[in-house]
Amino acid sequence: MSNTKTQMTTQTLTRVELDRRISTAGLSGPEERALRMRYGLAMELDGELEFADAAQPAAQAEIAALERQVIAHLNVDAHARRKQHIIDELREL
């Protein structure tokens, strides 16, 4: 049996904050729309996505890289806010 511990955190964002983060990620219109639709953040209730040929390894790699970039950008902002919150709490002591 392993003694590995896993810590999980949940972050709640307002729609305005989420929209700001997505818009500052530098995505093209179709990329932003695909991201919103994939994670249920679409502004509209229905729509269709046009995908690059899934059999193309280069297209798959590019899509994966875009997803990693956006997720990393979201995580960096969240981490910076957490650090600032801790610093603020310590200053209040």
Foldseek 3Di string as FASTA:
>chain_A
DDPDDDDDDDDDDDLVVVVVLLVVLPDDPLLSQVVCVVVVNHPDDDDDHDADPPVDPVSVVVNVVSVVSSVVSVVVVVVVVVVVVVVVVVVVD
